Amino acid sequence: MSDTSQGPQRFGFAAIIGAPNAGKSTLVNQLAGSKISIVSHKVQTTRARIRAIIVEGQSQVVLVDTPGIFVPRRKLDTAMVDNAWAGASEADAVLVLVDARRGIDEQVERIFAHLAKENRKAMLVINKTDLVRHEELLPLAQKLNEAHPFTETFMVSALTGSGIEKLKQRLVSMMPEGPWHYPEDQIADVNLRFLAAEITREKIYERLHEELPYSSTVETETWEEMKDGSVKIGQAIFVARDGQKAIVVGKGGQMAKTLGQLARADMEKAFGRRVHLFLFVKVRENWAEDPERLRMMGLTL
């Protein structure tokens, strides 16, 4: 428990928004000190809003990792973008993450325009500073602040951890006074069934990113608590076509077996207990246009 003699408790939300692949999930995991969000070099891997929880002194900060903001083409895309902006509108602090290598592009310009339209105050976080020359950073920060009036600017590398502590302390100080909403040892506001599905989906991205770009999703269909303390999990991997099913299953079922082994290892680490994982690959055409599927993924329409 926290020591109330140190001052009043603080609680609030900090939303991280940005273009796809700006490094939002890596930043959330770095700030939280634990793997909460799916991380991939493929864009648009975060689909729903993931909430990680950090506790520092008397402050509890809920970090909202939002989907990347881009031009939507499908119902899934529209739901993802709407969820990203909803996360920002509900937050006590908004962080706009910009890839230092890309600077201002069309996606970043769209984000700035939306912030201006909503008259939304935000902090600028320039990420991936380890990948550009040091002398380029100040001119980039100046250019970004001329494009939008940010309240503060931070330069970080979410991958290496550079600048993260300074950013975390600033977020902690910004939270309004109020009671904590979560136990001190809780690191995420994520349903375990959802987290299990995200872990398996991450393994699909890692192993099949070339063959299966964005045509798959994972649902945890069964969750059975066993008497020995382990858990038996049944998951469905949904793809859009029979050819994609063959890719996920692999020759002699080898790819599905490998995905299961990798996902199970991560689940056991995350859940702190033994996991029995069973994967089933199913074809569901146009799943990305199905409102029910999107609701099950945590996306609102």
C-alpha atoms as a PDB file:
ATOM      1  CA  MET A   1       0.000   0.000   0.000  1.00  0.00           C
ATOM      2  CA  SER A   2       1.110   3.568  -0.596  1.00  0.00           C
ATOM      3  CA  ASP A   3       2.102   5.871   2.262  1.00  0.00           C
ATOM      4  CA  THR A   4      -0.480   8.656   2.445  1.00  0.00           C
ATOM      5  CA  SER A   5       1.912  10.722   4.629  1.00  0.00           C
ATOM      6  CA  GLN A   6       3.833  11.461   1.425  1.00  0.00           C
ATOM      7  CA  GLY A   7       0.913  13.505   0.116  1.00  0.00           C
ATOM      8  CA  PRO A   8      -2.401  12.929  -1.650  1.00  0.00           C
ATOM      9  CA  GLN A   9      -2.851  10.162  -4.170  1.00  0.00           C
ATOM     10  CA  ARG A  10      -2.984  11.068  -7.830  1.00  0.00           C
ATOM     11  CA  PHE A  11      -4.685   9.188 -10.645  1.00  0.00           C
ATOM     12  CA  GLY A  12      -5.164   9.840 -14.330  1.00  0.00           C
ATOM     13  CA  PHE A  13      -4.948   8.696 -17.925  1.00  0.00           C
ATOM     14  CA  ALA A  14      -2.245   9.422 -20.518  1.00  0.00           C
ATOM     15  CA  ALA A  15      -3.070   8.603 -24.142  1.00  0.00           C
ATOM     16  CA  ILE A  16      -0.353   7.969 -26.703  1.00  0.00           C
ATOM     17  CA  ILE A  17      -1.358   8.711 -30.288  1.00  0.00           C
ATOM     18  CA  GLY A  18       0.579   8.782 -33.514  1.00  0.00           C
ATOM     19  CA  ALA A  19       0.935   7.406 -37.000  1.00  0.00           C
ATOM     20  CA  PRO A  20       1.266   3.641 -37.485  1.00  0.00           C
ATOM     21  CA  ASN A  21       4.682   2.270 -36.545  1.00  0.00           C
ATOM     22  CA  ALA A  22       5.742   5.390 -34.648  1.00  0.00           C
ATOM     23  CA  GLY A  23       6.616   3.143 -31.696  1.00  0.00           C
ATOM     24  CA  LYS A  24       3.590   3.609 -29.423  1.00  0.00           C
ATOM     25  CA  SER A  25       3.487   0.039 -28.122  1.00  0.00           C
ATOM     26  CA  THR A  26       7.232  -0.027 -27.463  1.00  0.00           C
ATOM     27  CA  LEU A  27       6.907   3.265 -25.551  1.00  0.00           C
ATOM     28  CA  VAL A  28       4.035   1.929 -23.442  1.00  0.00           C
ATOM     29  CA  ASN A  29       5.983  -1.213 -22.578  1.00  0.00           C
ATOM     30  CA  GLN A  30       9.072   0.832 -21.720  1.00  0.00           C
ATOM     31  CA  LEU A  31       7.153   3.257 -19.487  1.00  0.00           C
ATOM     32  CA  ALA A  32       5.303   0.403 -17.779  1.00  0.00           C
ATOM     33  CA  GLY A  33       8.444  -1.668 -17.333  1.00  0.00           C
ATOM     34  CA  SER A  34       6.599  -4.730 -18.608  1.00  0.00           C
ATOM     35  CA  LYS A  35       5.369  -6.137 -21.895  1.00  0.00           C
ATOM     36  CA  ILE A  36       1.737  -5.106 -22.201  1.00  0.00           C
ATOM     37  CA  SER A  37       1.233  -4.281 -25.872  1.00  0.00           C
ATOM     38  CA  ILE A  38       1.916  -6.284 -28.998  1.00  0.00           C
ATOM     39  CA  VAL A  39       5.079  -5.034 -30.687  1.00  0.00           C
ATOM     40  CA  SER A  40       5.850  -5.640 -34.351  1.00  0.00           C
ATOM     41  CA  HIS A  41       7.688  -3.916 -37.177  1.00  0.00           C
ATOM     42  CA  LYS A  42       4.441  -4.234 -39.139  1.00  0.00           C
ATOM     43  CA  VAL A  43       2.193  -1.178 -38.952  1.00  0.00           C
ATOM     44  CA  GLN A  44      -1.289  -1.218 -37.388  1.00  0.00           C
ATOM     45  CA  THR A  45      -0.552  -4.108 -35.015  1.00  0.00           C
ATOM     46  CA  THR A  46      -2.370  -2.494 -32.080  1.00  0.00           C
ATOM     47  CA  ARG A  47      -6.096  -2.699 -32.814  1.00  0.00           C
ATOM     48  CA  ALA A  48      -7.902  -1.938 -29.569  1.00  0.00           C
ATOM     49  CA  ARG A  49      -6.945   0.454 -26.787  1.00  0.00           C
ATOM     50  CA  ILE A  50      -4.569  -1.310 -24.376  1.00  0.00           C
ATOM     51  CA  ARG A  51      -4.226   0.136 -20.887  1.00  0.00           C
ATOM     52  CA  ALA A  52      -0.960  -0.291 -18.992  1.00  0.00           C
ATOM     53  CA  ILE A  53      -0.640   0.916 -15.404  1.00  0.00           C
ATOM     54  CA  ILE A  54       2.399   2.562 -13.844  1.00  0.00           C
ATOM     55  CA  VAL A  55       2.786   3.466 -10.180  1.00  0.00           C
ATOM     56  CA  GLU A  56       5.333   6.047  -9.104  1.00  0.00           C
ATOM     57  CA  GLY A  57       5.238   7.395  -5.556  1.00  0.00           C
ATOM     58  CA  GLN A  58       1.685   8.549  -4.859  1.00  0.00           C
ATOM     59  CA  SER A  59       0.683   8.588  -8.524  1.00  0.00           C
ATOM     60  CA  GLN A  60      -1.018   5.915 -10.588  1.00  0.00           C
ATOM     61  CA  VAL A  61      -0.975   6.572 -14.327  1.00  0.00           C
ATOM     62  CA  VAL A  62      -2.966   4.553 -16.849  1.00  0.00           C
ATOM     63  CA  LEU A  63      -1.209   4.583 -20.215  1.00  0.00           C
ATOM     64  CA  VAL A  64      -3.565   4.149 -23.138  1.00  0.00           C
ATOM     65  CA  ASP A  65      -1.812   2.585 -26.146  1.00  0.00           C
ATOM     66  CA  THR A  66      -4.043   3.519 -29.068  1.00  0.00           C
ATOM     67  CA  PRO A  67      -4.123   2.110 -32.600  1.00  0.00           C
ATOM     68  CA  GLY A  68      -2.134   4.059 -35.162  1.00  0.00           C
ATOM     69  CA  ILE A  69      -4.067   6.851 -36.875  1.00  0.00           C
ATOM     70  CA  PHE A  70      -4.322   6.412 -40.634  1.00  0.00           C
ATOM     71  CA  VAL A  71      -6.835   6.721 -43.484  1.00  0.00           C
ATOM     72  CA  PRO A  72      -9.448   3.990 -42.878  1.00  0.00           C
ATOM     73  CA  ARG A  73     -10.614   1.747 -45.709  1.00  0.00           C
ATOM     74  CA  ARG A  74     -12.530  -1.040 -43.935  1.00  0.00           C
ATOM     75  CA  LYS A  75     -14.876  -1.186 -40.950  1.00  0.00           C
ATOM     76  CA  LEU A  76     -11.941  -2.560 -38.959  1.00  0.00           C
ATOM     77  CA  ASP A  77      -9.828   0.446 -39.948  1.00  0.00           C
ATOM     78  CA  THR A  78     -12.586   2.929 -39.074  1.00  0.00           C
ATOM     79  CA  ALA A  79     -13.141   1.303 -35.673  1.00  0.00           C
ATOM     80  CA  MET A  80      -9.392   1.398 -34.956  1.00  0.00           C
ATOM     81  CA  VAL A  81      -9.060   5.093 -35.810  1.00  0.00           C
ATOM     82  CA  ASP A  82     -12.213   6.010 -33.858  1.00  0.00           C
ATOM     83  CA  ASN A  83     -10.841   4.148 -30.829  1.00  0.00           C
ATOM     84  CA  ALA A  84      -7.557   6.016 -31.097  1.00  0.00           C
ATOM     85  CA  TRP A  85      -9.260   9.421 -30.976  1.00  0.00           C
ATOM     86  CA  ALA A  86     -11.635   8.274 -28.229  1.00  0.00           C
ATOM     87  CA  GLY A  87      -8.617   7.335 -26.126  1.00  0.00           C
ATOM     88  CA  ALA A  88      -7.199  10.822 -26.575  1.00  0.00           C
ATOM     89  CA  SER A  89     -10.465  12.589 -25.749  1.00  0.00           C
ATOM     90  CA  GLU A  90     -10.773  10.791 -22.409  1.00  0.00           C
ATOM     91  CA  ALA A  91      -7.186  11.392 -21.245  1.00  0.00           C
ATOM     92  CA  ASP A  92      -5.699  13.824 -18.732  1.00  0.00           C
ATOM     93  CA  ALA A  93      -2.535  14.003 -20.847  1.00  0.00           C
ATOM     94  CA  VAL A  94      -2.078  13.408 -24.572  1.00  0.00           C
ATOM     95  CA  LEU A  95       1.269  12.412 -26.041  1.00  0.00           C
ATOM     96  CA  VAL A  96       1.751  12.734 -29.795  1.00  0.00           C
ATOM     97  CA  LEU A  97       4.496  10.346 -30.843  1.00  0.00           C
ATOM     98  CA  VAL A  98       6.440  11.214 -33.997  1.00  0.00           C
ATOM     99  CA  ASP A  99       9.074   9.033 -35.663  1.00  0.00           C
ATOM    100  CA  ALA A 100      12.253  11.156 -35.831  1.00  0.00           C
ATOM    101  CA  ARG A 101      13.218   9.572 -39.142  1.00  0.00           C
ATOM    102  CA  ARG A 102       9.950  10.465 -40.854  1.00  0.00           C
ATOM    103  CA  GLY A 103       9.235  13.866 -39.318  1.00  0.00           C
ATOM    104  CA  ILE A 104       6.149  15.560 -40.743  1.00  0.00           C
ATOM    105  CA  ASP A 105       4.349  13.488 -43.351  1.00  0.00           C
ATOM    106  CA  GLU A 106       0.703  13.313 -44.437  1.00  0.00           C
ATOM    107  CA  GLN A 107      -0.270  11.106 -41.496  1.00  0.00           C
ATOM    108  CA  VAL A 108       1.330  13.448 -38.967  1.00  0.00           C
ATOM    109  CA  GLU A 109      -0.265  16.469 -40.648  1.00  0.00           C
ATOM    110  CA  ARG A 110      -3.699  14.810 -40.304  1.00  0.00           C
ATOM    111  CA  ILE A 111      -3.112  14.220 -36.605  1.00  0.00           C
ATOM    112  CA  PHE A 112      -2.056  17.853 -36.082  1.00  0.00           C
ATOM    113  CA  ALA A 113      -5.127  19.080 -37.970  1.00  0.00           C
ATOM    114  CA  HIS A 114      -7.454  16.974 -35.826  1.00  0.00           C
ATOM    115  CA  LEU A 115      -5.815  18.224 -32.610  1.00  0.00           C
ATOM    116  CA  ALA A 116      -6.231  21.815 -33.795  1.00  0.00           C
ATOM    117  CA  LYS A 117      -9.866  21.236 -34.721  1.00  0.00           C
ATOM    118  CA  GLU A 118     -10.583  19.802 -31.254  1.00  0.00           C
ATOM    119  CA  ASN A 119      -8.449  22.517 -29.613  1.00  0.00           C
ATOM    120  CA  ARG A 120      -6.698  19.690 -27.773  1.00  0.00           C
ATOM    121  CA  LYS A 121      -3.535  20.372 -25.763  1.00  0.00           C
ATOM    122  CA  ALA A 122      -0.822  17.783 -26.276  1.00  0.00           C
ATOM    123  CA  MET A 123       2.812  16.995 -25.554  1.00  0.00           C
ATOM    124  CA  LEU A 124       5.209  16.149 -28.367  1.00  0.00           C
ATOM    125  CA  VAL A 125       7.364  13.042 -28.021  1.00  0.00           C
ATOM    126  CA  ILE A 126       9.969  12.576 -30.743  1.00  0.00           C
ATOM    127  CA  ASN A 127      10.831   8.869 -30.840  1.00  0.00           C
ATOM    128  CA  LYS A 128      13.633   6.812 -32.413  1.00  0.00           C
ATOM    129  CA  THR A 129      16.185   9.552 -31.718  1.00  0.00           C
ATOM    130  CA  ASP A 130      18.893   6.890 -31.708  1.00  0.00           C
ATOM    131  CA  LEU A 131      18.350   6.416 -35.451  1.00  0.00           C
ATOM    132  CA  VAL A 132      19.034   9.982 -36.602  1.00  0.00           C
ATOM    133  CA  ARG A 133      22.007  12.305 -36.249  1.00  0.00           C
ATOM    134  CA  HIS A 134      22.011  14.383 -33.072  1.00  0.00           C
ATOM    135  CA  GLU A 135      22.331  17.703 -34.929  1.00  0.00           C
ATOM    136  CA  GLU A 136      19.079  17.008 -36.786  1.00  0.00           C
ATOM    137  CA  LEU A 137      16.937  16.771 -33.645  1.00  0.00           C
ATOM    138  CA  LEU A 138      16.626  20.426 -32.606  1.00  0.00           C
ATOM    139  CA  PRO A 139      15.639  21.639 -36.103  1.00  0.00           C
ATOM    140  CA  LEU A 140      13.096  18.807 -36.270  1.00  0.00           C
ATOM    141  CA  ALA A 141      11.627  19.753 -32.874  1.00  0.00           C
ATOM    142  CA  GLN A 142      11.381  23.388 -33.977  1.00  0.00           C
ATOM    143  CA  LYS A 143       9.646  22.429 -37.221  1.00  0.00           C
ATOM    144  CA  LEU A 144       7.133  20.216 -35.404  1.00  0.00           C
ATOM    145  CA  ASN A 145       6.345  22.912 -32.836  1.00  0.00           C
ATOM    146  CA  GLU A 146       5.812  25.435 -35.609  1.00  0.00           C
ATOM    147  CA  ALA A 147       3.305  23.042 -37.182  1.00  0.00           C
ATOM    148  CA  HIS A 148       1.380  22.635 -33.914  1.00  0.00           C
ATOM    149  CA  PRO A 149       1.638  24.488 -30.568  1.00  0.00           C
ATOM    150  CA  PHE A 150       2.683  21.661 -28.244  1.00  0.00           C
ATOM    151  CA  THR A 151       2.856  22.318 -24.506  1.00  0.00           C
ATOM    152  CA  GLU A 152       6.157  20.436 -24.094  1.00  0.00           C
ATOM    153  CA  THR A 153       8.636  18.451 -26.165  1.00  0.00           C
ATOM    154  CA  PHE A 154      10.484  15.275 -25.210  1.00  0.00           C
ATOM    155  CA  MET A 155      13.076  13.336 -27.176  1.00  0.00           C
ATOM    156  CA  VAL A 156      13.241   9.605 -26.493  1.00  0.00           C
ATOM    157  CA  SER A 157      14.234   6.249 -27.818  1.00  0.00           C
ATOM    158  CA  ALA A 158      11.534   3.827 -26.741  1.00  0.00           C
ATOM    159  CA  LEU A 159      13.764   0.967 -27.881  1.00  0.00           C
ATOM    160  CA  THR A 160      16.848   1.840 -25.803  1.00  0.00           C
ATOM    161  CA  GLY A 161      15.064   3.642 -22.960  1.00  0.00           C
ATOM    162  CA  SER A 162      16.814   6.965 -23.528  1.00  0.00           C
ATOM    163  CA  GLY A 163      14.741   9.880 -22.194  1.00  0.00           C
ATOM    164  CA  ILE A 164      12.022   7.583 -20.824  1.00  0.00           C
ATOM    165  CA  GLU A 165      12.529   8.338 -17.118  1.00  0.00           C
ATOM    166  CA  LYS A 166      12.226  12.103 -17.655  1.00  0.00           C
ATOM    167  CA  LEU A 167       9.004  11.599 -19.610  1.00  0.00           C
ATOM    168  CA  LYS A 168       7.590   9.252 -16.976  1.00  0.00           C
ATOM    169  CA  GLN A 169       8.267  11.710 -14.142  1.00  0.00           C
ATOM    170  CA  ARG A 170       6.531  14.478 -16.066  1.00  0.00           C
ATOM    171  CA  LEU A 171       3.454  12.321 -16.634  1.00  0.00           C
ATOM    172  CA  VAL A 172       3.358  11.397 -12.959  1.00  0.00           C
ATOM    173  CA  SER A 173       3.421  15.068 -11.943  1.00  0.00           C
ATOM    174  CA  MET A 174       0.562  15.939 -14.328  1.00  0.00           C
ATOM    175  CA  MET A 175      -2.018  13.558 -12.895  1.00  0.00           C
ATOM    176  CA  PRO A 176      -4.887  15.156 -10.933  1.00  0.00           C
ATOM    177  CA  GLU A 177      -5.450  14.397  -7.264  1.00  0.00           C
ATOM    178  CA  GLY A 178      -7.752  11.444  -6.710  1.00  0.00           C
ATOM    179  CA  PRO A 179      -7.893   7.859  -5.437  1.00  0.00           C
ATOM    180  CA  TRP A 180      -6.232   5.052  -7.380  1.00  0.00           C
ATOM    181  CA  HIS A 181      -8.553   2.915  -9.492  1.00  0.00           C
ATOM    182  CA  TYR A 182      -6.426  -0.243  -9.493  1.00  0.00           C
ATOM    183  CA  PRO A 183      -4.487  -2.347  -6.956  1.00  0.00           C
ATOM    184  CA  GLU A 184      -0.860  -1.309  -6.559  1.00  0.00           C
ATOM    185  CA  ASP A 185       0.497  -4.512  -8.112  1.00  0.00           C
ATOM    186  CA  GLN A 186      -1.777  -4.532 -11.193  1.00  0.00           C
ATOM    187  CA  ILE A 187       0.169  -3.735 -14.367  1.00  0.00           C
ATOM    188  CA  ALA A 188      -2.621  -3.679 -16.944  1.00  0.00           C
ATOM    189  CA  ASP A 189      -6.350  -3.221 -17.396  1.00  0.00           C
ATOM    190  CA  VAL A 190      -6.566  -6.049 -19.892  1.00  0.00           C
ATOM    191  CA  ASN A 191      -8.794  -9.113 -19.816  1.00  0.00           C
ATOM    192  CA  LEU A 192      -6.537 -12.198 -19.659  1.00  0.00           C
ATOM    193  CA  ARG A 193      -8.423 -13.885 -22.490  1.00  0.00           C
ATOM    194  CA  PHE A 194      -7.788 -10.809 -24.643  1.00  0.00           C
ATOM    195  CA  LEU A 195      -4.123 -10.679 -23.640  1.00  0.00           C
ATOM    196  CA  ALA A 196      -3.721 -14.366 -24.529  1.00  0.00           C
ATOM    197  CA  ALA A 197      -5.182 -13.687 -27.977  1.00  0.00           C
ATOM    198  CA  GLU A 198      -2.842 -10.716 -28.443  1.00  0.00           C
ATOM    199  CA  ILE A 199       0.176 -12.879 -27.571  1.00  0.00           C
ATOM    200  CA  THR A 200      -0.752 -15.445 -30.218  1.00  0.00           C
ATOM    201  CA  ARG A 201      -1.457 -12.704 -32.759  1.00  0.00           C
ATOM    202  CA  GLU A 202       1.995 -11.271 -32.119  1.00  0.00           C
ATOM    203  CA  LYS A 203       3.574 -14.642 -32.920  1.00  0.00           C
ATOM    204  CA  ILE A 204       1.661 -14.755 -36.206  1.00  0.00           C
ATOM    205  CA  TYR A 205       3.048 -11.308 -37.115  1.00  0.00           C
ATOM    206  CA  GLU A 206       6.567 -12.368 -36.169  1.00  0.00           C
ATOM    207  CA  ARG A 207       6.570 -15.626 -38.126  1.00  0.00           C
ATOM    208  CA  LEU A 208       4.271 -14.839 -41.054  1.00  0.00           C
ATOM    209  CA  HIS A 209       4.568 -11.096 -41.636  1.00  0.00           C
ATOM    210  CA  GLU A 210       5.411 -11.514 -45.306  1.00  0.00           C
ATOM    211  CA  GLU A 211       2.838 -14.156 -46.196  1.00  0.00           C
ATOM    212  CA  LEU A 212      -0.051 -12.965 -44.024  1.00  0.00           C
ATOM    213  CA  PRO A 213      -0.030  -9.167 -43.638  1.00  0.00           C
ATOM    214  CA  TYR A 214      -3.315  -8.158 -41.972  1.00  0.00           C
ATOM    215  CA  SER A 215      -5.736 -10.929 -42.853  1.00  0.00           C
ATOM    216  CA  SER A 216      -5.781 -12.713 -39.513  1.00  0.00           C
ATOM    217  CA  THR A 217      -7.152 -12.255 -36.032  1.00  0.00           C
ATOM    218  CA  VAL A 218      -7.211 -14.412 -32.916  1.00  0.00           C
ATOM    219  CA  GLU A 219     -10.020 -15.080 -30.449  1.00  0.00           C
ATOM    220  CA  THR A 220      -9.764 -16.949 -27.156  1.00  0.00           C
ATOM    221  CA  GLU A 221     -12.802 -19.220 -27.340  1.00  0.00           C
ATOM    222  CA  THR A 222     -12.298 -21.313 -24.181  1.00  0.00           C
ATOM    223  CA  TRP A 223     -10.520 -20.743 -20.873  1.00  0.00           C
ATOM    224  CA  GLU A 224     -10.600 -23.602 -18.366  1.00  0.00           C
ATOM    225  CA  GLU A 225      -9.015 -23.403 -14.930  1.00  0.00           C
ATOM    226  CA  MET A 226      -7.424 -26.765 -14.041  1.00  0.00           C
ATOM    227  CA  LYS A 227      -7.205 -28.309 -10.574  1.00  0.00           C
ATOM    228  CA  ASP A 228      -3.391 -28.228 -10.617  1.00  0.00           C
ATOM    229  CA  GLY A 229      -3.396 -24.431 -11.067  1.00  0.00           C
ATOM    230  CA  SER A 230      -2.701 -24.506 -14.790  1.00  0.00           C
ATOM    231  CA  VAL A 231      -5.044 -23.149 -17.443  1.00  0.00           C
ATOM    232  CA  LYS A 232      -6.332 -24.797 -20.627  1.00  0.00           C
ATOM    233  CA  ILE A 233      -6.820 -22.277 -23.440  1.00  0.00           C
ATOM    234  CA  GLY A 234      -8.501 -22.867 -26.782  1.00  0.00           C
ATOM    235  CA  GLN A 235      -8.016 -20.228 -29.471  1.00  0.00           C
ATOM    236  CA  ALA A 236      -9.273 -19.722 -33.007  1.00  0.00           C
ATOM    237  CA  ILE A 237      -7.058 -18.081 -35.601  1.00  0.00           C
ATOM    238  CA  PHE A 238      -9.381 -16.556 -38.197  1.00  0.00           C
ATOM    239  CA  VAL A 239      -8.170 -15.951 -41.751  1.00  0.00           C
ATOM    240  CA  ALA A 240     -10.021 -14.711 -44.820  1.00  0.00           C
ATOM    241  CA  ARG A 241      -9.221 -17.465 -47.338  1.00  0.00           C
ATOM    242  CA  ASP A 242      -8.378 -21.173 -47.561  1.00  0.00           C
ATOM    243  CA  GLY A 243      -4.930 -20.340 -48.949  1.00  0.00           C
ATOM    244  CA  GLN A 244      -4.172 -18.314 -45.838  1.00  0.00           C
ATOM    245  CA  LYS A 245      -5.296 -21.210 -43.647  1.00  0.00           C
ATOM    246  CA  ALA A 246      -2.754 -23.456 -45.374  1.00  0.00           C
ATOM    247  CA  ILE A 247      -0.019 -20.892 -44.596  1.00  0.00           C
ATOM    248  CA  VAL A 248      -0.887 -20.743 -40.885  1.00  0.00           C
ATOM    249  CA  VAL A 249      -1.207 -24.511 -40.523  1.00  0.00           C
ATOM    250  CA  GLY A 250       2.005 -25.151 -42.468  1.00  0.00           C
ATOM    251  CA  LYS A 251       3.336 -28.377 -43.915  1.00  0.00           C
ATOM    252  CA  GLY A 252       2.251 -31.250 -41.699  1.00  0.00           C
ATOM    253  CA  GLY A 253       0.863 -28.732 -39.198  1.00  0.00           C
ATOM    254  CA  GLN A 254       4.388 -27.549 -38.338  1.00  0.00           C
ATOM    255  CA  MET A 255       3.729 -23.787 -38.482  1.00  0.00           C
ATOM    256  CA  ALA A 256       0.684 -24.002 -36.194  1.00  0.00           C
ATOM    257  CA  LYS A 257       2.738 -26.127 -33.800  1.00  0.00           C
ATOM    258  CA  THR A 258       5.554 -23.565 -33.770  1.00  0.00           C
ATOM    259  CA  LEU A 259       3.122 -20.675 -33.225  1.00  0.00           C
ATOM    260  CA  GLY A 260       1.560 -22.583 -30.335  1.00  0.00           C
ATOM    261  CA  GLN A 261       4.908 -23.272 -28.691  1.00  0.00           C
ATOM    262  CA  LEU A 262       6.030 -19.641 -28.931  1.00  0.00           C
ATOM    263  CA  ALA A 263       2.690 -18.254 -27.718  1.00  0.00           C
ATOM    264  CA  ARG A 264       2.473 -20.721 -24.837  1.00  0.00           C
ATOM    265  CA  ALA A 265       5.948 -19.769 -23.590  1.00  0.00           C
ATOM    266  CA  ASP A 266       5.007 -16.082 -23.516  1.00  0.00           C
ATOM    267  CA  MET A 267       1.663 -16.809 -21.837  1.00  0.00           C
ATOM    268  CA  GLU A 268       3.307 -18.840 -19.088  1.00  0.00           C
ATOM    269  CA  LYS A 269       5.694 -15.961 -18.453  1.00  0.00           C
ATOM    270  CA  ALA A 270       2.854 -13.397 -18.447  1.00  0.00           C
ATOM    271  CA  PHE A 271       0.407 -15.435 -16.347  1.00  0.00           C
ATOM    272  CA  GLY A 272       2.949 -17.028 -14.000  1.00  0.00           C
ATOM    273  CA  ARG A 273       1.625 -20.545 -14.440  1.00  0.00           C
ATOM    274  CA  ARG A 274       1.524 -23.519 -16.765  1.00  0.00           C
ATOM    275  CA  VAL A 275      -0.559 -23.113 -19.926  1.00  0.00           C
ATOM    276  CA  HIS A 276      -2.072 -25.792 -22.163  1.00  0.00           C
ATOM    277  CA  LEU A 277      -2.713 -24.060 -25.490  1.00  0.00           C
ATOM    278  CA  PHE A 278      -4.784 -25.454 -28.361  1.00  0.00           C
ATOM    279  CA  LEU A 279      -4.955 -23.552 -31.650  1.00  0.00           C
ATOM    280  CA  PHE A 280      -7.564 -24.007 -34.376  1.00  0.00           C
ATOM    281  CA  VAL A 281      -7.300 -22.252 -37.735  1.00  0.00           C
ATOM    282  CA  LYS A 282     -10.628 -21.237 -39.277  1.00  0.00           C
ATOM    283  CA  VAL A 283     -11.675 -19.445 -42.453  1.00  0.00           C
ATOM    284  CA  ARG A 284     -14.084 -16.547 -42.016  1.00  0.00           C
ATOM    285  CA  GLU A 285     -14.415 -14.380 -45.095  1.00  0.00           C
ATOM    286  CA  ASN A 286     -14.706 -10.627 -44.556  1.00  0.00           C
ATOM    287  CA  TRP A 287     -14.174 -10.919 -40.803  1.00  0.00           C
ATOM    288  CA  ALA A 288     -12.739  -7.373 -40.829  1.00  0.00           C
ATOM    289  CA  GLU A 289     -16.161  -6.063 -41.918  1.00  0.00           C
ATOM    290  CA  ASP A 290     -18.126  -7.998 -39.269  1.00  0.00           C
ATOM    291  CA  PRO A 291     -19.333  -5.687 -36.442  1.00  0.00           C
ATOM    292  CA  GLU A 292     -19.604  -8.605 -34.005  1.00  0.00           C
ATOM    293  CA  ARG A 293     -15.979  -9.603 -34.606  1.00  0.00           C
ATOM    294  CA  LEU A 294     -14.860  -6.015 -34.043  1.00  0.00           C
ATOM    295  CA  ARG A 295     -16.766  -5.791 -30.759  1.00  0.00           C
ATOM    296  CA  MET A 296     -15.133  -9.026 -29.591  1.00  0.00           C
ATOM    297  CA  MET A 297     -11.748  -7.469 -30.378  1.00  0.00           C
ATOM    298  CA  GLY A 298     -12.555  -4.567 -28.016  1.00  0.00           C
ATOM    299  CA  LEU A 299     -13.333  -2.066 -30.757  1.00  0.00           C
ATOM    300  CA  THR A 300     -16.407   0.133 -30.538  1.00  0.00           C
ATOM    301  CA  LEU A 301     -18.390   1.110 -33.639  1.00  0.00           C
END
